Amino acid sequence: MNQPLIKNIMLSLRELRKETHTMLEEQSKKYQLSMTQIFVLDRIRKSPKISLRELAKCVNLSPSTTSEVVEKMVQSELVIREQSDTNRRRIELSLTEKGLTTLKSTYADWIEDFAIFDEIGEEKLQIFYETQQEMIELLK
């Protein structure tokens, strides 16, 4: 094992995470949302009618934290909670039109900001992505 290389990779990943997080946070503030809220909106978009418990598992948050995040978005009219048609005890979450529009605008801004990665080239970016996915799977 090449220990100096592994160390450099870990430090590099940390720095990359910090820089990308800073950029994403700045865009999130523009929409008066946290990054967590944006990721929750995206998960609800991908899984309409998801329950709070299912959502919490998907976004790696506790049910109580997820509930607080969702409540703020319900108050902001980004998300709606509805009782399930098939199970009266189940509450399902869906995006409102405002929530979907906000999510699309946020992602469009993120993509615009990260267009600087075009300088690296699509082939290298694809290899980077695939390598990241392999690393994630190994760590799991």
Protein backbone atom coordinates (compact mmCIF):
# COMPACT_ATOMS: atom_id res chain seq x y z
CA MET A 1 0.00 0.00 0.00
CA ASN A 2 1.28 3.43 -0.94
CA GLN A 3 0.69 5.26 2.35
CA PRO A 4 1.75 8.73 1.17
CA LEU A 5 -0.62 8.45 -1.79
CA ILE A 6 -3.52 7.34 0.41
CA LYS A 7 -2.80 10.21 2.80
CA ASN A 8 -2.71 12.70 -0.10
CA ILE A 9 -5.99 11.33 -1.48
CA MET A 10 -7.68 11.68 1.92
CA LEU A 11 -6.45 15.25 2.32
CA SER A 12 -7.44 16.08 -1.23
CA LEU A 13 -10.94 14.66 -0.75
CA ARG A 14 -11.32 16.69 2.42
CA GLU A 15 -10.29 19.88 0.64
CA LEU A 16 -12.54 19.13 -2.35
CA ARG A 17 -15.48 18.51 0.00
CA LYS A 18 -14.80 21.80 1.82
CA GLU A 19 -14.61 23.83 -1.40
CA THR A 20 -17.67 22.26 -3.02
CA HIS A 21 -19.62 22.54 0.23
CA THR A 22 -18.82 26.25 0.41
CA MET A 23 -20.05 26.79 -3.15
CA LEU A 24 -23.22 24.77 -2.56
CA GLU A 25 -23.96 26.60 0.70
CA GLU A 26 -23.72 29.97 -1.05
CA GLN A 27 -26.23 28.87 -3.68
CA SER A 28 -28.52 27.35 -1.05
CA LYS A 29 -28.66 30.63 0.86
CA LYS A 30 -29.86 32.34 -2.31
CA TYR A 31 -33.04 30.25 -1.99
CA GLN A 32 -33.14 30.56 1.81
CA LEU A 33 -32.68 26.81 2.18
CA SER A 34 -30.07 24.63 3.79
CA MET A 35 -28.25 22.01 1.78
CA THR A 36 -30.04 19.39 3.88
CA GLN A 37 -33.38 20.84 2.81
CA ILE A 38 -32.33 20.73 -0.83
CA PHE A 39 -31.26 17.10 -0.55
CA VAL A 40 -34.56 16.29 1.19
CA LEU A 41 -36.47 18.01 -1.62
CA ASP A 42 -34.53 15.95 -4.15
CA ARG A 43 -35.27 12.68 -2.34
CA ILE A 44 -38.99 13.54 -2.17
CA ARG A 45 -38.90 14.35 -5.90
CA LYS A 46 -37.33 10.97 -6.62
CA SER A 47 -39.78 9.13 -4.33
CA PRO A 48 -43.16 10.88 -4.29
CA LYS A 49 -45.45 9.69 -1.51
CA ILE A 50 -42.45 8.73 0.64
CA SER A 51 -43.08 8.46 4.38
CA LEU A 52 -41.14 10.45 6.94
CA ARG A 53 -39.44 7.31 8.27
CA GLU A 54 -38.41 6.20 4.76
CA LEU A 55 -37.14 9.70 4.01
CA ALA A 56 -35.06 9.77 7.20
CA LYS A 57 -33.33 6.55 6.19
CA CYS A 58 -32.64 7.83 2.67
CA VAL A 59 -31.05 11.08 3.82
CA ASN A 60 -29.26 9.60 6.86
CA LEU A 61 -31.00 11.78 9.43
CA SER A 62 -32.91 10.86 12.56
CA PRO A 63 -36.70 10.81 12.22
CA SER A 64 -37.00 13.79 14.59
CA THR A 65 -34.48 15.88 12.63
CA THR A 66 -36.15 14.89 9.37
CA SER A 67 -39.50 15.89 10.82
CA GLU A 68 -38.15 19.35 11.73
CA VAL A 69 -36.65 19.82 8.25
CA VAL A 70 -39.91 18.75 6.58
CA GLU A 71 -42.01 20.97 8.86
CA LYS A 72 -40.05 24.06 7.79
CA MET A 73 -40.57 23.13 4.15
CA VAL A 74 -44.29 22.54 4.69
CA GLN A 75 -44.52 26.01 6.23
CA SER A 76 -42.63 27.41 3.23
CA GLU A 77 -45.11 25.64 0.92
CA LEU A 78 -42.40 23.50 -0.70
CA VAL A 79 -43.70 20.15 0.57
CA ILE A 80 -47.15 18.79 1.37
CA ARG A 81 -48.04 16.07 3.84
CA GLU A 82 -51.02 13.90 3.01
CA GLN A 83 -52.64 10.91 4.61
CA SER A 84 -52.19 7.74 2.58
CA ASP A 85 -55.19 6.50 0.64
CA THR A 86 -54.43 2.91 1.67
CA ASN A 87 -53.16 3.31 5.24
CA ARG A 88 -54.68 5.99 7.44
CA ARG A 89 -51.68 5.94 9.80
CA ARG A 90 -49.19 6.66 7.03
CA ILE A 91 -48.34 10.25 6.15
CA GLU A 92 -46.89 10.71 2.67
CA LEU A 93 -44.73 13.57 1.45
CA SER A 94 -44.78 15.21 -1.97
CA LEU A 95 -43.35 18.34 -3.52
CA THR A 96 -45.54 21.28 -4.30
CA GLU A 97 -45.07 23.05 -7.62
CA LYS A 98 -43.11 25.72 -5.74
CA GLY A 99 -40.88 22.99 -4.25
CA LEU A 100 -40.18 21.47 -7.65
CA THR A 101 -39.43 24.86 -9.21
CA THR A 102 -37.12 25.78 -6.34
CA LEU A 103 -35.27 22.47 -6.63
CA LYS A 104 -34.83 22.82 -10.39
CA SER A 105 -33.56 26.39 -10.04
CA THR A 106 -31.12 25.40 -7.32
CA TYR A 107 -29.69 22.54 -9.36
CA ALA A 108 -29.44 24.76 -12.44
CA ASP A 109 -27.40 27.26 -10.42
CA TRP A 110 -25.18 24.50 -9.03
CA ILE A 111 -24.53 23.11 -12.49
CA GLU A 112 -23.69 26.59 -13.76
CA ASP A 113 -21.23 27.11 -10.90
CA PHE A 114 -19.60 23.73 -11.45
CA ALA A 115 -19.27 24.24 -15.20
CA ILE A 116 -15.67 25.12 -14.38
CA PHE A 117 -15.10 21.35 -14.21
CA ASP A 118 -15.50 21.29 -18.00
CA GLU A 119 -11.87 22.35 -18.11
CA ILE A 120 -10.91 18.91 -16.77
CA GLY A 121 -12.65 17.14 -19.60
CA GLU A 122 -15.57 14.73 -19.65
CA GLU A 123 -13.44 11.58 -19.80
CA LYS A 124 -11.45 12.48 -16.67
CA LEU A 125 -14.61 13.52 -14.86
CA GLN A 126 -16.24 10.18 -15.71
CA ILE A 127 -13.20 8.29 -14.41
CA PHE A 128 -13.19 10.42 -11.25
CA TYR A 129 -16.88 9.69 -10.68
CA GLU A 130 -16.47 5.96 -11.22
CA THR A 131 -13.46 5.87 -8.88
CA GLN A 132 -15.42 7.72 -6.21
CA GLN A 133 -18.27 5.23 -6.50
CA GLU A 134 -15.85 2.31 -6.13
CA MET A 135 -14.33 3.94 -3.04
CA ILE A 136 -17.74 4.51 -1.51
CA GLU A 137 -18.71 0.88 -2.08
CA LEU A 138 -15.45 -0.34 -0.51
CA LEU A 139 -16.01 1.85 2.55
CA LYS A 140 -19.54 0.56 3.00
